[in-house]
Amino acid sequence: MLTDFLKSKPIRVMIVDDHDMVRRGLAAFLKSKADLELVGEASDGSEALDVCEQVQPDVVLMDLVMPEMDGSAATKVIRERWPQVQVIALTSFQDRALVQDALQAGAISYLLKNVSVDELAEAIRAACKGRPTLAPEATRALIQAASQGPTPGQDLTAREREVLILMVEGLSNPEIARRLTISRSTARAHVSNVLSKLGVSNRAEAIAMALRLKLVT
């Protein structure tokens, strides 16, 4: 019957990693599993998009730190263009920002490369069914991020963001007042609010944080 045939079809897997040895190892692993099939490889995120379009895999094993286009950026595009394709972030890094970026981009799972062969196989099978798998390290990173609350600066008003941009440009309070056509006292109040919401004590710290957190573009 057709349903039995569909059930017996192997899961089509694509590998994205900039290290040739890693791709070879993953390819060998996939060949050892009867229900998994390697259908494509790419060495960076940009190439991954081209290969994904050609082979239309069920699951992508995605490295995150790569040249040209990183794994999170590639994941976001893949999920937008081919929402039926599931992406597993498979990386050596457990950095909190990487975990958040990958999951926000649409990765269904986050695993470290020291995962066992059987655990990886189960994660691929689970991803194909829409079920996530998170490495314990990734779970801890998400818990830590949640416990720390929102990123500083997320509660800035539109006007305060304008003021912050002008601060980064090096404008003084009187110059900010002239640029925005407001009084000096109002400009001073806006600057004070920006410092308070960023949790800093002076303009230099505010500028440094704005650049580090990319609060201004």
C-alpha atoms as a PDB file:
ATOM      1  CA  MET A   1       0.000   0.000   0.000  1.00  0.00           C
ATOM      2  CA  LEU A   2       1.048   3.632  -0.546  1.00  0.00           C
ATOM      3  CA  THR A   3       1.044   4.396   3.190  1.00  0.00           C
ATOM      4  CA  ASP A   4       3.416   1.506   3.870  1.00  0.00           C
ATOM      5  CA  PHE A   5       5.681   2.729   1.084  1.00  0.00           C
ATOM      6  CA  LEU A   6       5.757   6.244   2.488  1.00  0.00           C
ATOM      7  CA  LYS A   7       6.535   4.955   5.969  1.00  0.00           C
ATOM      8  CA  SER A   8       9.465   2.966   4.612  1.00  0.00           C
ATOM      9  CA  LYS A   9      11.025   5.915   2.777  1.00  0.00           C
ATOM     10  CA  PRO A  10      14.268   7.064   4.442  1.00  0.00           C
ATOM     11  CA  ILE A  11      14.543  10.526   5.958  1.00  0.00           C
ATOM     12  CA  ARG A  12      16.385  12.774   3.522  1.00  0.00           C
ATOM     13  CA  VAL A  13      19.183  14.602   5.327  1.00  0.00           C
ATOM     14  CA  MET A  14      21.461  17.419   4.230  1.00  0.00           C
ATOM     15  CA  ILE A  15      24.757  18.362   5.938  1.00  0.00           C
ATOM     16  CA  VAL A  16      26.028  21.941   6.224  1.00  0.00           C
ATOM     17  CA  ASP A  17      29.493  22.403   7.763  1.00  0.00           C
ATOM     18  CA  ASP A  18      32.629  24.263   6.713  1.00  0.00           C
ATOM     19  CA  HIS A  19      34.915  21.463   7.898  1.00  0.00           C
ATOM     20  CA  ASP A  20      35.393  18.666   5.381  1.00  0.00           C
ATOM     21  CA  MET A  21      36.257  16.078   8.046  1.00  0.00           C
ATOM     22  CA  VAL A  22      33.052  16.825   9.947  1.00  0.00           C
ATOM     23  CA  ARG A  23      30.990  16.385   6.794  1.00  0.00           C
ATOM     24  CA  ARG A  24      32.735  13.082   6.064  1.00  0.00           C
ATOM     25  CA  GLY A  25      32.063  11.828   9.567  1.00  0.00           C
ATOM     26  CA  LEU A  26      28.395  12.794   9.420  1.00  0.00           C
ATOM     27  CA  ALA A  27      28.078  11.254   5.968  1.00  0.00           C
ATOM     28  CA  ALA A  28      29.483   7.961   7.270  1.00  0.00           C
ATOM     29  CA  PHE A  29      27.069   8.089  10.198  1.00  0.00           C
ATOM     30  CA  LEU A  30      24.078   8.619   7.909  1.00  0.00           C
ATOM     31  CA  LYS A  31      25.105   5.727   5.665  1.00  0.00           C
ATOM     32  CA  SER A  32      25.115   3.435   8.705  1.00  0.00           C
ATOM     33  CA  LYS A  33      21.424   4.102   9.398  1.00  0.00           C
ATOM     34  CA  ALA A  34      18.956   2.379   7.076  1.00  0.00           C
ATOM     35  CA  ASP A  35      16.224   4.950   7.672  1.00  0.00           C
ATOM     36  CA  LEU A  36      18.463   7.977   7.003  1.00  0.00           C
ATOM     37  CA  GLU A  37      19.716   9.112   3.604  1.00  0.00           C
ATOM     38  CA  LEU A  38      22.340  11.740   2.759  1.00  0.00           C
ATOM     39  CA  VAL A  39      21.012  13.854  -0.123  1.00  0.00           C
ATOM     40  CA  GLY A  40      23.279  16.901  -0.090  1.00  0.00           C
ATOM     41  CA  GLU A  41      26.241  18.736   1.450  1.00  0.00           C
ATOM     42  CA  ALA A  42      27.284  22.390   1.711  1.00  0.00           C
ATOM     43  CA  SER A  43      30.302  24.146   3.210  1.00  0.00           C
ATOM     44  CA  ASP A  44      28.622  27.428   4.197  1.00  0.00           C
ATOM     45  CA  GLY A  45      25.206  29.010   4.590  1.00  0.00           C
ATOM     46  CA  SER A  46      25.098  30.561   1.148  1.00  0.00           C
ATOM     47  CA  GLU A  47      25.874  27.267  -0.560  1.00  0.00           C
ATOM     48  CA  ALA A  48      23.338  25.580   1.711  1.00  0.00           C
ATOM     49  CA  LEU A  49      20.530  27.623   0.190  1.00  0.00           C
ATOM     50  CA  ASP A  50      21.456  26.521  -3.320  1.00  0.00           C
ATOM     51  CA  VAL A  51      21.757  22.865  -2.362  1.00  0.00           C
ATOM     52  CA  CYS A  52      18.566  22.947  -0.314  1.00  0.00           C
ATOM     53  CA  GLU A  53      16.650  24.271  -3.288  1.00  0.00           C
ATOM     54  CA  GLN A  54      17.995  21.444  -5.448  1.00  0.00           C
ATOM     55  CA  VAL A  55      17.527  18.486  -3.111  1.00  0.00           C
ATOM     56  CA  GLN A  56      14.626  19.558  -0.863  1.00  0.00           C
ATOM     57  CA  PRO A  57      15.727  17.564   2.233  1.00  0.00           C
ATOM     58  CA  ASP A  58      13.530  16.605   5.151  1.00  0.00           C
ATOM     59  CA  VAL A  59      16.129  17.614   7.744  1.00  0.00           C
ATOM     60  CA  VAL A  60      19.230  19.810   7.629  1.00  0.00           C
ATOM     61  CA  LEU A  61      22.148  19.343  10.033  1.00  0.00           C
ATOM     62  CA  MET A  62      23.364  22.932  10.292  1.00  0.00           C
ATOM     63  CA  ASP A  63      26.683  24.136  11.663  1.00  0.00           C
ATOM     64  CA  LEU A  64      26.393  27.682  13.052  1.00  0.00           C
ATOM     65  CA  VAL A  65      29.816  29.325  12.845  1.00  0.00           C
ATOM     66  CA  MET A  66      30.758  29.442   9.158  1.00  0.00           C
ATOM     67  CA  PRO A  67      32.160  31.960   6.651  1.00  0.00           C
ATOM     68  CA  GLU A  68      30.090  33.782   4.018  1.00  0.00           C
ATOM     69  CA  MET A  69      26.721  33.194   5.714  1.00  0.00           C
ATOM     70  CA  ASP A  70      26.428  31.749   9.216  1.00  0.00           C
ATOM     71  CA  GLY A  71      24.119  28.931  10.194  1.00  0.00           C
ATOM     72  CA  SER A  72      21.466  31.040  11.909  1.00  0.00           C
ATOM     73  CA  ALA A  73      21.088  33.309   8.870  1.00  0.00           C
ATOM     74  CA  ALA A  74      20.854  30.293   6.568  1.00  0.00           C
ATOM     75  CA  THR A  75      18.342  28.635   8.881  1.00  0.00           C
ATOM     76  CA  LYS A  76      16.095  31.695   8.797  1.00  0.00           C
ATOM     77  CA  VAL A  77      16.062  31.756   4.987  1.00  0.00           C
ATOM     78  CA  ILE A  78      15.490  28.000   4.710  1.00  0.00           C
ATOM     79  CA  ARG A  79      12.550  28.113   7.102  1.00  0.00           C
ATOM     80  CA  GLU A  80      11.042  31.046   5.222  1.00  0.00           C
ATOM     81  CA  ARG A  81      11.447  29.503   1.756  1.00  0.00           C
ATOM     82  CA  TRP A  82      10.861  25.848   2.604  1.00  0.00           C
ATOM     83  CA  PRO A  83       8.870  25.656   5.866  1.00  0.00           C
ATOM     84  CA  GLN A  84       8.547  21.886   5.507  1.00  0.00           C
ATOM     85  CA  VAL A  85      12.328  21.502   5.959  1.00  0.00           C
ATOM     86  CA  GLN A  86      13.397  21.068   9.583  1.00  0.00           C
ATOM     87  CA  VAL A  87      16.780  22.358  10.731  1.00  0.00           C
ATOM     88  CA  ILE A  88      18.900  20.903  13.531  1.00  0.00           C
ATOM     89  CA  ALA A  89      21.638  23.226  14.775  1.00  0.00           C
ATOM     90  CA  LEU A  90      24.697  21.013  15.259  1.00  0.00           C
ATOM     91  CA  THR A  91      27.639  22.934  16.659  1.00  0.00           C
ATOM     92  CA  SER A  92      30.637  22.855  18.978  1.00  0.00           C
ATOM     93  CA  PHE A  93      29.469  26.011  20.748  1.00  0.00           C
ATOM     94  CA  GLN A  94      27.026  26.408  23.638  1.00  0.00           C
ATOM     95  CA  ASP A  95      27.097  30.210  23.754  1.00  0.00           C
ATOM     96  CA  ARG A  96      23.754  31.596  24.917  1.00  0.00           C
ATOM     97  CA  ALA A  97      23.502  34.073  22.068  1.00  0.00           C
ATOM     98  CA  LEU A  98      24.128  31.318  19.505  1.00  0.00           C
ATOM     99  CA  VAL A  99      21.418  29.155  21.054  1.00  0.00           C
ATOM    100  CA  GLN A 100      18.905  31.998  21.011  1.00  0.00           C
ATOM    101  CA  ASP A 101      19.792  33.093  17.474  1.00  0.00           C
ATOM    102  CA  ALA A 102      19.486  29.559  16.084  1.00  0.00           C
ATOM    103  CA  LEU A 103      16.127  28.849  17.724  1.00  0.00           C
ATOM    104  CA  GLN A 104      14.738  32.275  16.838  1.00  0.00           C
ATOM    105  CA  ALA A 105      15.809  31.652  13.239  1.00  0.00           C
ATOM    106  CA  GLY A 106      13.644  28.535  13.205  1.00  0.00           C
ATOM    107  CA  ALA A 107      15.889  25.620  14.154  1.00  0.00           C
ATOM    108  CA  ILE A 108      13.813  22.885  15.751  1.00  0.00           C
ATOM    109  CA  SER A 109      16.726  21.413  17.711  1.00  0.00           C
ATOM    110  CA  TYR A 110      20.099  22.457  19.127  1.00  0.00           C
ATOM    111  CA  LEU A 111      22.759  19.782  19.652  1.00  0.00           C
ATOM    112  CA  LEU A 112      26.476  19.803  20.364  1.00  0.00           C
ATOM    113  CA  LYS A 113      28.854  17.862  18.151  1.00  0.00           C
ATOM    114  CA  ASN A 114      29.803  15.579  21.036  1.00  0.00           C
ATOM    115  CA  VAL A 115      26.324  14.045  20.820  1.00  0.00           C
ATOM    116  CA  SER A 116      26.288  10.270  20.442  1.00  0.00           C
ATOM    117  CA  VAL A 117      25.441   8.619  17.132  1.00  0.00           C
ATOM    118  CA  ASP A 118      22.217   7.152  18.504  1.00  0.00           C
ATOM    119  CA  GLU A 119      21.159  10.477  20.050  1.00  0.00           C
ATOM    120  CA  LEU A 120      21.721  12.281  16.770  1.00  0.00           C
ATOM    121  CA  ALA A 121      19.767   9.670  14.850  1.00  0.00           C
ATOM    122  CA  GLU A 122      16.859   9.991  17.290  1.00  0.00           C
ATOM    123  CA  ALA A 123      17.000  13.801  17.024  1.00  0.00           C
ATOM    124  CA  ILE A 124      16.761  13.568  13.227  1.00  0.00           C
ATOM    125  CA  ARG A 125      13.790  11.223  13.444  1.00  0.00           C
ATOM    126  CA  ALA A 126      12.126  13.491  16.008  1.00  0.00           C
ATOM    127  CA  ALA A 127      12.753  16.616  13.884  1.00  0.00           C
ATOM    128  CA  CYS A 128      11.157  14.928  10.884  1.00  0.00           C
ATOM    129  CA  LYS A 129       8.034  14.487  13.014  1.00  0.00           C
ATOM    130  CA  GLY A 130       8.165  18.087  14.261  1.00  0.00           C
ATOM    131  CA  ARG A 131       9.512  17.293  17.720  1.00  0.00           C
ATOM    132  CA  PRO A 132      12.401  19.362  19.145  1.00  0.00           C
ATOM    133  CA  THR A 133      15.539  18.080  20.850  1.00  0.00           C
ATOM    134  CA  LEU A 134      17.756  20.337  22.966  1.00  0.00           C
ATOM    135  CA  ALA A 135      21.170  19.557  24.372  1.00  0.00           C
ATOM    136  CA  PRO A 136      21.235  20.063  28.179  1.00  0.00           C
ATOM    137  CA  GLU A 137      23.704  22.917  27.639  1.00  0.00           C
ATOM    138  CA  ALA A 138      21.266  24.662  25.311  1.00  0.00           C
ATOM    139  CA  THR A 139      18.441  24.272  27.814  1.00  0.00           C
ATOM    140  CA  ARG A 140      20.590  25.831  30.549  1.00  0.00           C
ATOM    141  CA  ALA A 141      21.492  28.738  28.258  1.00  0.00           C
ATOM    142  CA  LEU A 142      17.809  29.450  27.578  1.00  0.00           C
ATOM    143  CA  ILE A 143      16.960  29.273  31.280  1.00  0.00           C
ATOM    144  CA  GLN A 144      19.771  31.698  32.096  1.00  0.00           C
ATOM    145  CA  ALA A 145      18.599  34.076  29.387  1.00  0.00           C
ATOM    146  CA  ALA A 146      15.034  33.974  30.710  1.00  0.00           C
ATOM    147  CA  SER A 147      16.163  34.578  34.292  1.00  0.00           C
ATOM    148  CA  GLN A 148      18.147  37.644  33.267  1.00  0.00           C
ATOM    149  CA  GLY A 149      15.118  39.400  31.846  1.00  0.00           C
ATOM    150  CA  PRO A 150      14.921  41.521  28.692  1.00  0.00           C
ATOM    151  CA  THR A 151      17.967  42.941  26.935  1.00  0.00           C
ATOM    152  CA  PRO A 152      18.797  46.492  28.102  1.00  0.00           C
ATOM    153  CA  GLY A 153      17.340  49.107  25.796  1.00  0.00           C
ATOM    154  CA  GLN A 154      14.344  47.111  24.634  1.00  0.00           C
ATOM    155  CA  ASP A 155      12.017  49.479  26.516  1.00  0.00           C
ATOM    156  CA  LEU A 156      13.337  52.675  24.910  1.00  0.00           C
ATOM    157  CA  THR A 157      10.655  54.849  23.329  1.00  0.00           C
ATOM    158  CA  ALA A 158      10.947  55.951  19.708  1.00  0.00           C
ATOM    159  CA  ARG A 159      12.088  59.406  20.829  1.00  0.00           C
ATOM    160  CA  GLU A 160      14.642  57.949  23.232  1.00  0.00           C
ATOM    161  CA  ARG A 161      16.053  55.834  20.408  1.00  0.00           C
ATOM    162  CA  GLU A 162      16.413  58.973  18.329  1.00  0.00           C
ATOM    163  CA  VAL A 163      18.268  60.596  21.213  1.00  0.00           C
ATOM    164  CA  LEU A 164      20.505  57.543  21.598  1.00  0.00           C
ATOM    165  CA  ILE A 165      21.392  57.652  17.907  1.00  0.00           C
ATOM    166  CA  LEU A 166      22.409  61.306  18.259  1.00  0.00           C
ATOM    167  CA  MET A 167      24.411  60.477  21.372  1.00  0.00           C
ATOM    168  CA  VAL A 168      26.303  57.840  19.386  1.00  0.00           C
ATOM    169  CA  GLU A 169      26.949  60.486  16.740  1.00  0.00           C
ATOM    170  CA  GLY A 170      28.616  62.562  19.462  1.00  0.00           C
ATOM    171  CA  LEU A 171      26.061  65.346  19.826  1.00  0.00           C
ATOM    172  CA  SER A 172      25.831  67.244  23.116  1.00  0.00           C
ATOM    173  CA  ASN A 173      22.523  67.919  24.899  1.00  0.00           C
ATOM    174  CA  PRO A 174      22.147  71.408  23.337  1.00  0.00           C
ATOM    175  CA  GLU A 175      22.929  69.963  19.886  1.00  0.00           C
ATOM    176  CA  ILE A 176      20.381  67.174  20.414  1.00  0.00           C
ATOM    177  CA  ALA A 177      17.807  69.803  21.400  1.00  0.00           C
ATOM    178  CA  ARG A 178      18.465  71.785  18.219  1.00  0.00           C
ATOM    179  CA  ARG A 179      18.432  68.702  15.985  1.00  0.00           C
ATOM    180  CA  LEU A 180      15.098  67.464  17.374  1.00  0.00           C
ATOM    181  CA  THR A 181      13.617  70.956  17.830  1.00  0.00           C
ATOM    182  CA  ILE A 182      12.998  70.461  21.534  1.00  0.00           C
ATOM    183  CA  SER A 183      14.038  72.409  24.624  1.00  0.00           C
ATOM    184  CA  ARG A 184      17.363  71.765  26.303  1.00  0.00           C
ATOM    185  CA  SER A 185      15.617  70.597  29.448  1.00  0.00           C
ATOM    186  CA  THR A 186      13.602  68.071  27.431  1.00  0.00           C
ATOM    187  CA  ALA A 187      16.749  66.832  25.696  1.00  0.00           C
ATOM    188  CA  ARG A 188      18.465  66.496  29.072  1.00  0.00           C
ATOM    189  CA  ALA A 189      15.485  64.515  30.413  1.00  0.00           C
ATOM    190  CA  HIS A 190      15.554  62.171  27.408  1.00  0.00           C
ATOM    191  CA  VAL A 191      19.279  61.551  27.857  1.00  0.00           C
ATOM    192  CA  SER A 192      18.720  60.841  31.552  1.00  0.00           C
ATOM    193  CA  ASN A 193      15.971  58.350  30.692  1.00  0.00           C
ATOM    194  CA  VAL A 194      18.229  56.612  28.163  1.00  0.00           C
ATOM    195  CA  LEU A 195      21.010  56.245  30.738  1.00  0.00           C
ATOM    196  CA  SER A 196      18.547  54.907  33.301  1.00  0.00           C
ATOM    197  CA  LYS A 197      16.944  52.348  30.968  1.00  0.00           C
ATOM    198  CA  LEU A 198      20.343  51.122  29.792  1.00  0.00           C
ATOM    199  CA  GLY A 199      21.526  50.826  33.374  1.00  0.00           C
ATOM    200  CA  VAL A 200      24.622  52.966  32.805  1.00  0.00           C
ATOM    201  CA  SER A 201      25.959  56.052  34.541  1.00  0.00           C
ATOM    202  CA  ASN A 202      27.351  58.169  31.709  1.00  0.00           C
ATOM    203  CA  ARG A 203      27.175  58.852  27.982  1.00  0.00           C
ATOM    204  CA  ALA A 204      30.333  56.889  27.158  1.00  0.00           C
ATOM    205  CA  GLU A 205      28.912  53.717  28.724  1.00  0.00           C
ATOM    206  CA  ALA A 206      25.586  54.291  26.928  1.00  0.00           C
ATOM    207  CA  ILE A 207      27.331  54.640  23.569  1.00  0.00           C
ATOM    208  CA  ALA A 208      29.437  51.527  24.183  1.00  0.00           C
ATOM    209  CA  MET A 209      26.370  49.480  25.118  1.00  0.00           C
ATOM    210  CA  ALA A 210      24.368  50.797  22.148  1.00  0.00           C
ATOM    211  CA  LEU A 211      27.101  49.671  19.765  1.00  0.00           C
ATOM    212  CA  ARG A 212      27.665  46.325  21.497  1.00  0.00           C
ATOM    213  CA  LEU A 213      23.964  45.425  21.577  1.00  0.00           C
ATOM    214  CA  LYS A 214      23.342  46.964  18.138  1.00  0.00           C
ATOM    215  CA  LEU A 215      20.618  49.224  19.487  1.00  0.00           C
ATOM    216  CA  VAL A 216      21.397  51.722  16.746  1.00  0.00           C
ATOM    217  CA  THR A 217      22.088  51.134  13.057  1.00  0.00           C
END
